[in-house]
Amino acid sequence: MNKCLYQDGQDEKITKIMKKILVSRNIENPDSDKLINIQKMKEKINDELTYKIIGCAMKIHNTLGNGFQEVIYQRCLAIELEKNNINYKREKEMPIYYEDIQVGNRIIN
């Protein structure tokens, strides 16, 4: 079964990326407590569904990189969510209310 979770070895890769970001922002010591600890982040994401969704998004980002139009990433996320049996709705129309009166609709994505 194809699961959308972080793959082995990604923690180190993500940590290196975070260090580069901190260095590029002129943070003197990228190994300081300002560096995101991936293990603590995983512990904070204790909801399995949230963890799977983030894993799907990370898989898409790692595969495609950046630079594509948003619709491309939306389509890829739809594929990954379906592969992982995660229910979703794309571009759902939601009502907008002002003082309990519906004043319009908005499509959210």
N, C-alpha and C. Protein backbone atom coordinates (compact mmCIF):
# COMPACT_ATOMS: atom_id res chain seq x y z
N MET A 1 0.84 -1.18 0.00
CA MET A 1 0.00 0.00 0.00
C MET A 1 0.89 1.24 0.00
N ASN A 2 0.59 2.18 -0.87
CA ASN A 2 1.37 3.40 -0.99
C ASN A 2 0.94 4.39 0.08
N LYS A 3 1.81 4.66 1.05
CA LYS A 3 1.50 5.60 2.11
C LYS A 3 2.27 6.89 1.86
N CYS A 4 1.63 7.98 2.16
CA CYS A 4 2.21 9.31 1.95
C CYS A 4 2.81 9.79 3.25
N LEU A 5 3.80 9.13 3.76
CA LEU A 5 4.47 9.56 4.98
C LEU A 5 5.89 9.96 4.64
N TYR A 6 6.54 10.65 5.56
CA TYR A 6 7.92 11.02 5.32
C TYR A 6 8.75 9.77 5.11
N GLN A 7 9.61 9.78 4.11
CA GLN A 7 10.45 8.64 3.83
C GLN A 7 11.69 8.69 4.71
N ASP A 8 12.30 7.52 4.94
CA ASP A 8 13.53 7.48 5.71
C ASP A 8 14.57 8.38 5.06
N GLY A 9 15.29 9.10 5.88
CA GLY A 9 16.35 9.97 5.37
C GLY A 9 15.88 11.38 5.06
N GLN A 10 14.58 11.62 5.05
CA GLN A 10 14.09 12.96 4.73
C GLN A 10 14.35 13.94 5.87
N ASP A 11 14.39 13.44 7.11
CA ASP A 11 14.64 14.34 8.24
C ASP A 11 15.96 15.08 8.05
N GLU A 12 16.99 14.35 7.67
CA GLU A 12 18.31 14.96 7.46
C GLU A 12 18.26 15.96 6.31
N LYS A 13 17.58 15.61 5.24
CA LYS A 13 17.47 16.50 4.08
C LYS A 13 16.74 17.79 4.46
N ILE A 14 15.63 17.65 5.19
CA ILE A 14 14.86 18.82 5.61
C ILE A 14 15.68 19.68 6.56
N THR A 15 16.42 19.06 7.47
CA THR A 15 17.26 19.80 8.39
C THR A 15 18.31 20.61 7.63
N LYS A 16 18.93 20.03 6.61
CA LYS A 16 19.92 20.75 5.80
C LYS A 16 19.27 21.94 5.09
N ILE A 17 18.08 21.73 4.57
CA ILE A 17 17.37 22.82 3.88
C ILE A 17 17.08 23.95 4.87
N MET A 18 16.62 23.60 6.08
CA MET A 18 16.34 24.62 7.08
C MET A 18 17.60 25.39 7.46
N LYS A 19 18.73 24.70 7.56
CA LYS A 19 19.99 25.37 7.87
C LYS A 19 20.33 26.37 6.77
N LYS A 20 20.16 25.97 5.51
CA LYS A 20 20.45 26.89 4.40
C LYS A 20 19.56 28.12 4.46
N ILE A 21 18.29 27.92 4.79
CA ILE A 21 17.37 29.04 4.90
C ILE A 21 17.82 29.99 6.00
N LEU A 22 18.18 29.43 7.16
CA LEU A 22 18.61 30.27 8.27
C LEU A 22 19.89 31.03 7.94
N VAL A 23 20.83 30.36 7.27
CA VAL A 23 22.07 31.02 6.88
C VAL A 23 21.77 32.13 5.88
N SER A 24 20.87 31.87 4.92
CA SER A 24 20.54 32.88 3.92
C SER A 24 19.85 34.09 4.55
N ARG A 25 19.25 33.91 5.71
CA ARG A 25 18.59 35.02 6.41
C ARG A 25 19.51 35.64 7.46
N ASN A 26 20.80 35.34 7.34
CA ASN A 26 21.83 35.91 8.21
C ASN A 26 21.66 35.55 9.68
N ILE A 27 21.15 34.37 9.95
CA ILE A 27 21.10 33.89 11.32
C ILE A 27 22.45 33.24 11.57
N GLU A 28 23.18 33.78 12.56
CA GLU A 28 24.58 33.43 12.75
C GLU A 28 24.82 31.95 13.00
N ASN A 29 24.07 31.36 13.88
CA ASN A 29 24.32 29.96 14.23
C ASN A 29 23.12 29.11 13.82
N PRO A 30 23.17 28.50 12.63
CA PRO A 30 22.02 27.71 12.17
C PRO A 30 21.76 26.47 13.00
N ASP A 31 22.72 26.07 13.85
CA ASP A 31 22.51 24.90 14.70
C ASP A 31 21.89 25.27 16.04
N SER A 32 21.56 26.55 16.22
CA SER A 32 21.00 27.01 17.48
C SER A 32 19.57 26.52 17.64
N ASP A 33 18.96 26.93 18.74
CA ASP A 33 17.59 26.49 19.01
C ASP A 33 16.59 27.09 18.03
N LYS A 34 17.03 28.02 17.17
CA LYS A 34 16.14 28.58 16.17
C LYS A 34 15.89 27.59 15.03
N LEU A 35 16.74 26.60 14.91
CA LEU A 35 16.57 25.59 13.87
C LEU A 35 15.43 24.66 14.26
N ILE A 36 14.54 24.43 13.33
CA ILE A 36 13.40 23.56 13.62
C ILE A 36 13.89 22.13 13.82
N ASN A 37 13.50 21.55 14.92
CA ASN A 37 13.83 20.16 15.20
C ASN A 37 12.74 19.29 14.60
N ILE A 38 13.09 18.55 13.57
CA ILE A 38 12.12 17.75 12.83
C ILE A 38 11.41 16.73 13.72
N GLN A 39 12.15 16.15 14.64
CA GLN A 39 11.54 15.15 15.51
C GLN A 39 10.45 15.78 16.37
N LYS A 40 10.71 16.98 16.90
CA LYS A 40 9.70 17.65 17.71
C LYS A 40 8.49 18.01 16.86
N MET A 41 8.74 18.39 15.60
CA MET A 41 7.64 18.71 14.71
C MET A 41 6.77 17.48 14.51
N LYS A 42 7.40 16.32 14.31
CA LYS A 42 6.64 15.09 14.13
C LYS A 42 5.81 14.78 15.36
N GLU A 43 6.39 15.03 16.55
CA GLU A 43 5.67 14.75 17.78
C GLU A 43 4.46 15.66 17.91
N LYS A 44 4.55 16.89 17.44
CA LYS A 44 3.44 17.83 17.52
C LYS A 44 2.32 17.44 16.56
N ILE A 45 2.68 16.78 15.46
CA ILE A 45 1.67 16.32 14.50
C ILE A 45 1.23 14.93 14.92
N ASN A 46 0.39 14.89 15.94
CA ASN A 46 -0.03 13.60 16.46
C ASN A 46 -1.32 13.11 15.82
N ASP A 47 -1.91 13.92 14.99
CA ASP A 47 -3.11 13.52 14.26
C ASP A 47 -2.66 12.80 12.98
N GLU A 48 -3.03 11.57 12.83
CA GLU A 48 -2.57 10.75 11.71
C GLU A 48 -3.01 11.33 10.36
N LEU A 49 -4.22 11.86 10.28
CA LEU A 49 -4.72 12.42 9.03
C LEU A 49 -3.88 13.64 8.63
N THR A 50 -3.62 14.52 9.58
CA THR A 50 -2.79 15.69 9.30
C THR A 50 -1.41 15.27 8.81
N TYR A 51 -0.84 14.30 9.47
CA TYR A 51 0.49 13.79 9.11
C TYR A 51 0.48 13.24 7.68
N LYS A 52 -0.56 12.50 7.32
CA LYS A 52 -0.65 11.94 5.97
C LYS A 52 -0.78 13.03 4.92
N ILE A 53 -1.61 14.04 5.20
CA ILE A 53 -1.81 15.12 4.23
C ILE A 53 -0.51 15.89 4.02
N ILE A 54 0.18 16.21 5.10
CA ILE A 54 1.47 16.90 4.97
C ILE A 54 2.46 16.03 4.21
N GLY A 55 2.44 14.73 4.48
CA GLY A 55 3.31 13.81 3.76
C GLY A 55 3.03 13.80 2.27
N CYS A 56 1.75 13.85 1.90
CA CYS A 56 1.37 13.90 0.48
C CYS A 56 1.89 15.18 -0.17
N ALA A 57 1.73 16.30 0.53
CA ALA A 57 2.21 17.57 0.00
C ALA A 57 3.73 17.56 -0.15
N MET A 58 4.43 16.99 0.82
CA MET A 58 5.89 16.90 0.76
C MET A 58 6.33 16.02 -0.42
N LYS A 59 5.61 14.93 -0.65
CA LYS A 59 5.94 14.04 -1.76
C LYS A 59 5.82 14.79 -3.09
N ILE A 60 4.76 15.57 -3.24
CA ILE A 60 4.56 16.34 -4.46
C ILE A 60 5.67 17.37 -4.63
N HIS A 61 5.97 18.07 -3.54
CA HIS A 61 7.03 19.09 -3.60
C HIS A 61 8.38 18.45 -3.94
N ASN A 62 8.68 17.33 -3.32
CA ASN A 62 9.96 16.66 -3.60
C ASN A 62 10.03 16.14 -5.03
N THR A 63 8.90 15.77 -5.59
CA THR A 63 8.87 15.24 -6.96
C THR A 63 8.92 16.35 -8.00
N LEU A 64 8.08 17.37 -7.83
CA LEU A 64 7.96 18.42 -8.84
C LEU A 64 8.88 19.62 -8.59
N GLY A 65 9.17 19.89 -7.33
CA GLY A 65 9.89 21.13 -7.02
C GLY A 65 8.91 22.29 -7.10
N ASN A 66 9.45 23.49 -7.30
CA ASN A 66 8.56 24.64 -7.38
C ASN A 66 8.59 25.24 -8.78
N GLY A 67 7.70 26.19 -9.03
CA GLY A 67 7.69 26.88 -10.30
C GLY A 67 6.50 26.59 -11.19
N PHE A 68 5.64 25.66 -10.78
CA PHE A 68 4.48 25.36 -11.59
C PHE A 68 3.29 26.19 -11.13
N GLN A 69 2.27 26.26 -11.98
CA GLN A 69 1.05 26.95 -11.60
C GLN A 69 0.33 26.17 -10.50
N GLU A 70 -0.44 26.89 -9.70
CA GLU A 70 -1.13 26.29 -8.57
C GLU A 70 -2.00 25.11 -8.99
N VAL A 71 -2.64 25.19 -10.15
CA VAL A 71 -3.53 24.13 -10.60
C VAL A 71 -2.79 22.80 -10.76
N ILE A 72 -1.54 22.83 -11.13
CA ILE A 72 -0.74 21.60 -11.27
C ILE A 72 -0.60 20.92 -9.92
N TYR A 73 -0.26 21.71 -8.90
CA TYR A 73 -0.12 21.15 -7.55
C TYR A 73 -1.47 20.65 -7.02
N GLN A 74 -2.55 21.36 -7.34
CA GLN A 74 -3.89 20.91 -6.93
C GLN A 74 -4.21 19.55 -7.53
N ARG A 75 -3.92 19.38 -8.79
CA ARG A 75 -4.20 18.10 -9.46
C ARG A 75 -3.35 16.98 -8.87
N CYS A 76 -2.09 17.26 -8.60
CA CYS A 76 -1.20 16.25 -8.00
C CYS A 76 -1.67 15.88 -6.60
N LEU A 77 -2.10 16.89 -5.83
CA LEU A 77 -2.58 16.61 -4.48
C LEU A 77 -3.85 15.75 -4.55
N ALA A 78 -4.71 16.01 -5.50
CA ALA A 78 -5.91 15.19 -5.67
C ALA A 78 -5.52 13.73 -5.94
N ILE A 79 -4.51 13.52 -6.76
CA ILE A 79 -4.05 12.16 -7.06
C ILE A 79 -3.54 11.48 -5.80
N GLU A 80 -2.69 12.19 -5.04
CA GLU A 80 -2.11 11.61 -3.83
C GLU A 80 -3.18 11.34 -2.76
N LEU A 81 -4.11 12.25 -2.61
CA LEU A 81 -5.18 12.03 -1.62
C LEU A 81 -6.03 10.82 -1.99
N GLU A 82 -6.34 10.67 -3.27
CA GLU A 82 -7.12 9.51 -3.72
C GLU A 82 -6.34 8.22 -3.50
N LYS A 83 -5.04 8.23 -3.81
CA LYS A 83 -4.21 7.03 -3.61
C LYS A 83 -4.18 6.60 -2.15
N ASN A 84 -4.35 7.57 -1.25
CA ASN A 84 -4.29 7.29 0.18
C ASN A 84 -5.67 7.24 0.84
N ASN A 85 -6.71 7.14 -0.01
CA ASN A 85 -8.08 7.02 0.48
C ASN A 85 -8.47 8.14 1.46
N ILE A 86 -8.05 9.36 1.14
CA ILE A 86 -8.40 10.53 1.95
C ILE A 86 -9.48 11.30 1.20
N ASN A 87 -10.63 11.45 1.82
CA ASN A 87 -11.75 12.16 1.20
C ASN A 87 -11.46 13.67 1.17
N TYR A 88 -11.87 14.31 0.08
CA TYR A 88 -11.66 15.74 -0.07
C TYR A 88 -12.66 16.28 -1.09
N LYS A 89 -12.77 17.59 -1.13
CA LYS A 89 -13.57 18.27 -2.16
C LYS A 89 -12.72 19.39 -2.71
N ARG A 90 -12.65 19.47 -4.02
CA ARG A 90 -11.90 20.56 -4.67
C ARG A 90 -12.81 21.72 -4.95
N GLU A 91 -12.29 22.91 -4.70
CA GLU A 91 -12.98 24.15 -5.04
C GLU A 91 -14.45 24.14 -4.63
N LYS A 92 -14.67 23.90 -3.37
CA LYS A 92 -16.02 23.84 -2.83
C LYS A 92 -16.58 25.26 -2.68
N GLU A 93 -17.83 25.42 -3.05
CA GLU A 93 -18.49 26.71 -2.92
C GLU A 93 -19.04 26.85 -1.51
N MET A 94 -18.71 27.96 -0.87
CA MET A 94 -19.13 28.22 0.50
C MET A 94 -19.87 29.56 0.57
N PRO A 95 -20.94 29.61 1.36
CA PRO A 95 -21.66 30.88 1.50
C PRO A 95 -20.89 31.86 2.38
N ILE A 96 -21.08 33.15 2.10
CA ILE A 96 -20.47 34.21 2.90
C ILE A 96 -21.60 34.94 3.60
N TYR A 97 -21.44 35.13 4.92
CA TYR A 97 -22.48 35.77 5.72
C TYR A 97 -21.97 37.08 6.31
N TYR A 98 -22.87 38.03 6.40
CA TYR A 98 -22.63 39.27 7.12
C TYR A 98 -23.81 39.47 8.06
N GLU A 99 -23.53 39.48 9.35
CA GLU A 99 -24.57 39.61 10.38
C GLU A 99 -25.72 38.64 10.13
N ASP A 100 -25.37 37.38 9.96
CA ASP A 100 -26.31 36.28 9.76
C ASP A 100 -27.13 36.36 8.48
N ILE A 101 -26.71 37.20 7.54
CA ILE A 101 -27.39 37.30 6.25
C ILE A 101 -26.42 36.86 5.17
N GLN A 102 -26.84 35.91 4.35
CA GLN A 102 -25.97 35.45 3.27
C GLN A 102 -25.85 36.57 2.23
N VAL A 103 -24.59 36.97 1.96
CA VAL A 103 -24.36 38.07 1.01
C VAL A 103 -23.68 37.59 -0.26
N GLY A 104 -23.34 36.33 -0.33
CA GLY A 104 -22.71 35.82 -1.53
C GLY A 104 -22.11 34.46 -1.30
N ASN A 105 -21.35 34.02 -2.29
CA ASN A 105 -20.66 32.72 -2.22
C ASN A 105 -19.22 32.92 -2.63
N ARG A 106 -18.40 32.00 -2.19
CA ARG A 106 -16.98 32.03 -2.56
C ARG A 106 -16.52 30.61 -2.78
N ILE A 107 -15.73 30.41 -3.81
CA ILE A 107 -15.17 29.09 -4.06
C ILE A 107 -13.82 29.02 -3.35
N ILE A 108 -13.70 28.04 -2.47
CA ILE A 108 -12.45 27.85 -1.74
C ILE A 108 -11.72 26.66 -2.34
N ASN A 109 -10.41 26.70 -2.25
CA ASN A 109 -9.63 25.56 -2.76
C ASN A 109 -8.64 25.09 -1.75
